[in-house]
Amino acid sequence: MQHQEERREHRRVGIRLPIECVADTAGRKVTYRTVTDDVSSGGVSFEAESDDFPVGVSLEMELEVPPGDGHSPYPGRVRGTGTVVRVDRLGDGGAGLRYRVAAHFNKPLKLAF
């Protein structure tokens, strides 16, 4: 069995955070709310029930961050923009088609606590 070489620049954290994405697809803004699959300093991935996130589309994103030791005793939000870099069709799990969307952050995220 051959192992594929790891090419990621940033360490991913498998964490489920509420995320709101606004995609600008062909001049039509689509807002989608879901939860993340994982987050890194370079990007994020999440599942969607919609194919409104084609590769190359720009996203405005806002993630909800729970309070925690080491960063804040209060809940906060992380905002940023990104670009969809990959979309994988996950299939029909009985509830309709699902997609895994991966987006690269355009700039470091801005924290708002």
N, C-alpha and C. Protein backbone atom coordinates (compact mmCIF):
# COMPACT_ATOMS: atom_id res chain seq x y z
N MET A 1 0.84 -1.18 0.00
CA MET A 1 0.00 0.00 0.00
C MET A 1 0.88 1.24 0.00
N GLN A 2 0.63 2.14 -0.92
CA GLN A 2 1.42 3.35 -1.04
C GLN A 2 0.73 4.49 -0.30
N HIS A 3 1.50 5.25 0.45
CA HIS A 3 0.94 6.39 1.19
C HIS A 3 1.17 7.67 0.40
N GLN A 4 0.13 8.48 0.33
CA GLN A 4 0.24 9.75 -0.37
C GLN A 4 0.99 10.74 0.52
N GLU A 5 1.91 11.49 -0.07
CA GLU A 5 2.70 12.47 0.67
C GLU A 5 1.81 13.59 1.19
N GLU A 6 1.99 13.96 2.43
CA GLU A 6 1.24 15.06 3.05
C GLU A 6 1.72 16.37 2.47
N ARG A 7 0.80 17.18 1.92
CA ARG A 7 1.18 18.44 1.27
C ARG A 7 0.63 19.66 2.00
N ARG A 8 -0.05 19.47 3.09
CA ARG A 8 -0.66 20.61 3.78
C ARG A 8 0.41 21.47 4.46
N GLU A 9 0.19 22.78 4.40
CA GLU A 9 1.09 23.73 5.04
C GLU A 9 0.70 23.99 6.48
N HIS A 10 -0.58 23.80 6.81
CA HIS A 10 -1.10 24.16 8.13
C HIS A 10 -1.72 22.94 8.80
N ARG A 11 -1.49 22.84 10.10
CA ARG A 11 -2.06 21.73 10.87
C ARG A 11 -3.56 21.95 11.04
N ARG A 12 -4.33 20.92 10.74
CA ARG A 12 -5.78 21.00 10.86
C ARG A 12 -6.22 20.54 12.24
N VAL A 13 -7.28 21.17 12.72
CA VAL A 13 -7.90 20.76 13.98
C VAL A 13 -9.32 20.32 13.64
N GLY A 14 -9.62 19.06 13.93
CA GLY A 14 -10.97 18.56 13.70
C GLY A 14 -11.90 19.12 14.77
N ILE A 15 -12.61 20.16 14.43
CA ILE A 15 -13.48 20.83 15.40
C ILE A 15 -14.77 21.24 14.70
N ARG A 16 -15.86 21.06 15.40
CA ARG A 16 -17.18 21.39 14.86
C ARG A 16 -17.62 22.73 15.44
N LEU A 17 -17.48 23.77 14.63
CA LEU A 17 -17.89 25.12 15.02
C LEU A 17 -18.99 25.59 14.07
N PRO A 18 -19.99 26.29 14.59
CA PRO A 18 -20.99 26.88 13.69
C PRO A 18 -20.31 27.86 12.74
N ILE A 19 -20.69 27.79 11.47
CA ILE A 19 -20.12 28.68 10.46
C ILE A 19 -21.24 29.19 9.56
N GLU A 20 -21.13 30.47 9.21
CA GLU A 20 -22.04 31.06 8.23
C GLU A 20 -21.20 31.50 7.06
N CYS A 21 -21.57 31.08 5.86
CA CYS A 21 -20.85 31.43 4.64
C CYS A 21 -21.78 32.20 3.72
N VAL A 22 -21.25 33.23 3.11
CA VAL A 22 -21.97 33.95 2.08
C VAL A 22 -21.15 33.82 0.81
N ALA A 23 -21.73 33.16 -0.19
CA ALA A 23 -21.06 32.95 -1.47
C ALA A 23 -21.65 33.88 -2.50
N ASP A 24 -20.78 34.44 -3.34
CA ASP A 24 -21.24 35.29 -4.43
C ASP A 24 -21.09 34.47 -5.71
N THR A 25 -22.18 33.82 -6.14
CA THR A 25 -22.14 32.96 -7.31
C THR A 25 -22.92 33.61 -8.44
N ALA A 26 -22.23 33.99 -9.47
CA ALA A 26 -22.83 34.60 -10.66
C ALA A 26 -23.69 35.80 -10.30
N GLY A 27 -23.19 36.64 -9.39
CA GLY A 27 -23.92 37.84 -9.00
C GLY A 27 -25.08 37.59 -8.04
N ARG A 28 -25.23 36.36 -7.57
CA ARG A 28 -26.31 36.00 -6.65
C ARG A 28 -25.67 35.61 -5.31
N LYS A 29 -26.05 36.30 -4.24
CA LYS A 29 -25.49 35.99 -2.92
C LYS A 29 -26.31 34.88 -2.27
N VAL A 30 -25.60 33.84 -1.82
CA VAL A 30 -26.22 32.70 -1.16
C VAL A 30 -25.65 32.61 0.24
N THR A 31 -26.51 32.58 1.26
CA THR A 31 -26.07 32.43 2.65
C THR A 31 -26.34 31.01 3.09
N TYR A 32 -25.34 30.39 3.72
CA TYR A 32 -25.45 29.00 4.15
C TYR A 32 -24.91 28.87 5.56
N ARG A 33 -25.66 28.18 6.42
CA ARG A 33 -25.22 27.93 7.80
C ARG A 33 -25.04 26.43 8.00
N THR A 34 -23.90 26.06 8.57
CA THR A 34 -23.59 24.66 8.84
C THR A 34 -22.56 24.61 9.97
N VAL A 35 -21.83 23.52 10.09
CA VAL A 35 -20.73 23.42 11.06
C VAL A 35 -19.47 22.98 10.33
N THR A 36 -18.33 23.36 10.87
CA THR A 36 -17.06 23.00 10.26
C THR A 36 -16.75 21.53 10.50
N ASP A 37 -15.96 20.95 9.61
CA ASP A 37 -15.39 19.62 9.83
C ASP A 37 -14.01 19.78 10.46
N ASP A 38 -13.26 20.75 9.93
CA ASP A 38 -11.95 21.06 10.50
C ASP A 38 -11.57 22.48 10.12
N VAL A 39 -10.62 23.02 10.89
CA VAL A 39 -10.15 24.40 10.70
C VAL A 39 -8.64 24.40 10.87
N SER A 40 -7.97 25.21 10.07
CA SER A 40 -6.53 25.46 10.24
C SER A 40 -6.31 26.95 10.09
N SER A 41 -5.08 27.39 10.28
CA SER A 41 -4.80 28.81 10.09
C SER A 41 -4.86 29.18 8.61
N GLY A 42 -4.88 28.18 7.73
CA GLY A 42 -4.93 28.45 6.30
C GLY A 42 -6.28 28.28 5.65
N GLY A 43 -7.22 27.59 6.34
CA GLY A 43 -8.51 27.38 5.71
C GLY A 43 -9.46 26.58 6.57
N VAL A 44 -10.55 26.16 5.95
CA VAL A 44 -11.63 25.48 6.66
C VAL A 44 -12.30 24.50 5.71
N SER A 45 -12.90 23.45 6.27
CA SER A 45 -13.76 22.60 5.46
C SER A 45 -15.07 22.38 6.20
N PHE A 46 -16.13 22.18 5.41
CA PHE A 46 -17.45 21.98 5.98
C PHE A 46 -18.29 21.18 4.99
N GLU A 47 -19.37 20.58 5.49
CA GLU A 47 -20.30 19.87 4.62
C GLU A 47 -21.45 20.79 4.27
N ALA A 48 -21.95 20.61 3.05
CA ALA A 48 -23.09 21.41 2.58
C ALA A 48 -24.06 20.49 1.85
N GLU A 49 -25.31 20.86 1.88
CA GLU A 49 -26.34 20.12 1.15
C GLU A 49 -26.60 20.74 -0.21
N SER A 50 -25.82 21.75 -0.54
CA SER A 50 -26.03 22.52 -1.75
C SER A 50 -24.74 22.54 -2.57
N ASP A 51 -24.90 22.64 -3.88
CA ASP A 51 -23.72 22.78 -4.73
C ASP A 51 -23.52 24.23 -5.15
N ASP A 52 -23.94 25.16 -4.27
CA ASP A 52 -23.79 26.60 -4.52
C ASP A 52 -22.36 27.09 -4.27
N PHE A 53 -21.41 26.18 -4.07
CA PHE A 53 -20.04 26.56 -3.74
C PHE A 53 -19.07 25.99 -4.76
N PRO A 54 -19.09 26.46 -6.01
CA PRO A 54 -18.14 25.93 -6.99
C PRO A 54 -16.71 26.39 -6.70
N VAL A 55 -15.75 25.61 -7.17
CA VAL A 55 -14.34 25.97 -7.00
C VAL A 55 -14.11 27.36 -7.59
N GLY A 56 -13.42 28.19 -6.83
CA GLY A 56 -13.08 29.54 -7.27
C GLY A 56 -14.01 30.62 -6.74
N VAL A 57 -15.16 30.22 -6.19
CA VAL A 57 -16.11 31.22 -5.69
C VAL A 57 -15.57 31.85 -4.41
N SER A 58 -15.82 33.14 -4.24
CA SER A 58 -15.40 33.87 -3.04
C SER A 58 -16.43 33.68 -1.94
N LEU A 59 -15.93 33.57 -0.71
CA LEU A 59 -16.79 33.40 0.46
C LEU A 59 -16.49 34.45 1.51
N GLU A 60 -17.53 34.92 2.16
CA GLU A 60 -17.39 35.66 3.41
C GLU A 60 -17.78 34.66 4.48
N MET A 61 -16.94 34.51 5.52
CA MET A 61 -17.19 33.48 6.53
C MET A 61 -17.17 34.08 7.92
N GLU A 62 -18.02 33.52 8.79
CA GLU A 62 -18.02 33.89 10.20
C GLU A 62 -18.18 32.60 10.99
N LEU A 63 -17.22 32.33 11.86
CA LEU A 63 -17.25 31.14 12.71
C LEU A 63 -17.52 31.57 14.14
N GLU A 64 -18.32 30.80 14.85
CA GLU A 64 -18.59 31.05 16.26
C GLU A 64 -17.57 30.26 17.08
N VAL A 65 -16.89 30.94 18.02
CA VAL A 65 -15.88 30.30 18.85
C VAL A 65 -16.40 30.26 20.29
N PRO A 66 -16.47 29.07 20.87
CA PRO A 66 -16.96 28.97 22.25
C PRO A 66 -15.92 29.51 23.22
N PRO A 67 -16.33 29.88 24.44
CA PRO A 67 -15.35 30.31 25.43
C PRO A 67 -14.44 29.14 25.79
N GLY A 68 -13.23 29.46 26.22
CA GLY A 68 -12.31 28.39 26.59
C GLY A 68 -11.06 28.91 27.27
N ASP A 69 -10.43 28.04 28.05
CA ASP A 69 -9.18 28.39 28.71
C ASP A 69 -8.13 28.72 27.67
N GLY A 70 -7.41 29.77 27.90
CA GLY A 70 -6.31 30.14 27.03
C GLY A 70 -6.65 31.14 25.95
N HIS A 71 -7.96 31.37 25.68
CA HIS A 71 -8.24 32.39 24.66
C HIS A 71 -9.30 33.38 25.11
N SER A 72 -10.37 32.97 25.77
CA SER A 72 -11.36 33.94 26.23
C SER A 72 -12.40 33.24 27.10
N PRO A 73 -12.84 33.91 28.15
CA PRO A 73 -13.93 33.34 28.96
C PRO A 73 -15.29 33.58 28.32
N TYR A 74 -15.33 34.28 27.19
CA TYR A 74 -16.57 34.65 26.52
C TYR A 74 -16.62 34.04 25.12
N PRO A 75 -17.82 33.78 24.62
CA PRO A 75 -17.91 33.33 23.23
C PRO A 75 -17.53 34.47 22.29
N GLY A 76 -17.07 34.12 21.11
CA GLY A 76 -16.68 35.15 20.15
C GLY A 76 -16.94 34.69 18.73
N ARG A 77 -16.53 35.53 17.81
CA ARG A 77 -16.70 35.24 16.39
C ARG A 77 -15.38 35.49 15.66
N VAL A 78 -15.15 34.70 14.66
CA VAL A 78 -13.98 34.85 13.81
C VAL A 78 -14.50 35.13 12.41
N ARG A 79 -14.02 36.21 11.80
CA ARG A 79 -14.50 36.61 10.48
C ARG A 79 -13.35 36.62 9.48
N GLY A 80 -13.70 36.31 8.25
CA GLY A 80 -12.70 36.37 7.20
C GLY A 80 -13.30 36.07 5.84
N THR A 81 -12.46 36.17 4.84
CA THR A 81 -12.87 35.85 3.48
C THR A 81 -12.00 34.71 2.97
N GLY A 82 -12.51 34.02 1.99
CA GLY A 82 -11.77 32.91 1.44
C GLY A 82 -12.23 32.58 0.04
N THR A 83 -11.60 31.55 -0.51
CA THR A 83 -11.92 31.07 -1.84
C THR A 83 -12.07 29.56 -1.79
N VAL A 84 -13.12 29.04 -2.40
CA VAL A 84 -13.33 27.60 -2.46
C VAL A 84 -12.25 26.98 -3.34
N VAL A 85 -11.55 25.98 -2.79
CA VAL A 85 -10.47 25.34 -3.53
C VAL A 85 -10.78 23.89 -3.90
N ARG A 86 -11.78 23.30 -3.23
CA ARG A 86 -12.13 21.91 -3.53
C ARG A 86 -13.56 21.64 -3.10
N VAL A 87 -14.26 20.84 -3.91
CA VAL A 87 -15.60 20.38 -3.57
C VAL A 87 -15.65 18.89 -3.88
N ASP A 88 -15.96 18.08 -2.87
CA ASP A 88 -16.07 16.63 -3.06
C ASP A 88 -17.52 16.22 -2.84
N ARG A 89 -18.05 15.50 -3.79
CA ARG A 89 -19.41 14.98 -3.65
C ARG A 89 -19.36 13.78 -2.71
N LEU A 90 -20.15 13.82 -1.64
CA LEU A 90 -20.13 12.76 -0.64
C LEU A 90 -21.18 11.69 -0.91
N GLY A 91 -22.14 11.98 -1.73
CA GLY A 91 -23.16 10.99 -2.04
C GLY A 91 -24.45 11.26 -1.31
N ASP A 92 -25.33 10.30 -1.41
CA ASP A 92 -26.66 10.41 -0.83
C ASP A 92 -26.73 9.52 0.39
N GLY A 93 -26.70 10.12 1.57
CA GLY A 93 -26.78 9.36 2.81
C GLY A 93 -28.21 9.16 3.26
N GLY A 94 -29.15 9.16 2.32
CA GLY A 94 -30.55 9.00 2.68
C GLY A 94 -31.25 10.33 2.88
N ALA A 95 -30.47 11.38 3.03
CA ALA A 95 -31.06 12.70 3.26
C ALA A 95 -30.75 13.64 2.09
N GLY A 96 -30.36 13.10 0.96
CA GLY A 96 -30.02 13.92 -0.19
C GLY A 96 -28.52 14.04 -0.37
N LEU A 97 -28.12 14.63 -1.47
CA LEU A 97 -26.70 14.78 -1.77
C LEU A 97 -26.03 15.70 -0.76
N ARG A 98 -24.78 15.37 -0.44
CA ARG A 98 -23.97 16.19 0.45
C ARG A 98 -22.64 16.44 -0.25
N TYR A 99 -22.03 17.57 0.09
CA TYR A 99 -20.75 17.96 -0.48
C TYR A 99 -19.81 18.38 0.64
N ARG A 100 -18.53 18.06 0.51
CA ARG A 100 -17.51 18.60 1.43
C ARG A 100 -16.82 19.72 0.68
N VAL A 101 -16.86 20.91 1.28
CA VAL A 101 -16.31 22.11 0.68
C VAL A 101 -15.05 22.51 1.45
N ALA A 102 -13.96 22.76 0.75
CA ALA A 102 -12.73 23.23 1.37
C ALA A 102 -12.44 24.63 0.83
N ALA A 103 -12.15 25.55 1.76
CA ALA A 103 -11.86 26.93 1.37
C ALA A 103 -10.56 27.40 2.00
N HIS A 104 -9.81 28.17 1.25
CA HIS A 104 -8.55 28.77 1.70
C HIS A 104 -8.85 30.19 2.18
N PHE A 105 -8.32 30.57 3.35
CA PHE A 105 -8.51 31.94 3.83
C PHE A 105 -7.64 32.89 3.01
N ASN A 106 -8.21 34.02 2.60
CA ASN A 106 -7.46 35.01 1.82
C ASN A 106 -6.50 35.81 2.69
N LYS A 107 -6.89 36.07 3.94
CA LYS A 107 -6.10 36.82 4.90
C LYS A 107 -6.27 36.15 6.27
N PRO A 108 -5.39 36.46 7.22
CA PRO A 108 -5.61 35.91 8.56
C PRO A 108 -6.99 36.34 9.09
N LEU A 109 -7.60 35.46 9.85
CA LEU A 109 -8.93 35.74 10.38
C LEU A 109 -8.89 36.84 11.43
N LYS A 110 -10.01 37.56 11.54
CA LYS A 110 -10.14 38.62 12.53
C LYS A 110 -11.02 38.13 13.67
N LEU A 111 -10.50 38.22 14.88
CA LEU A 111 -11.23 37.79 16.07
C LEU A 111 -12.08 38.91 16.61
N ALA A 112 -13.28 38.59 17.07
CA ALA A 112 -14.16 39.56 17.69
C ALA A 112 -14.76 38.93 18.94
N PHE A 113 -14.18 39.28 20.12
CA PHE A 113 -14.68 38.76 21.39
C PHE A 113 -15.38 39.86 22.16
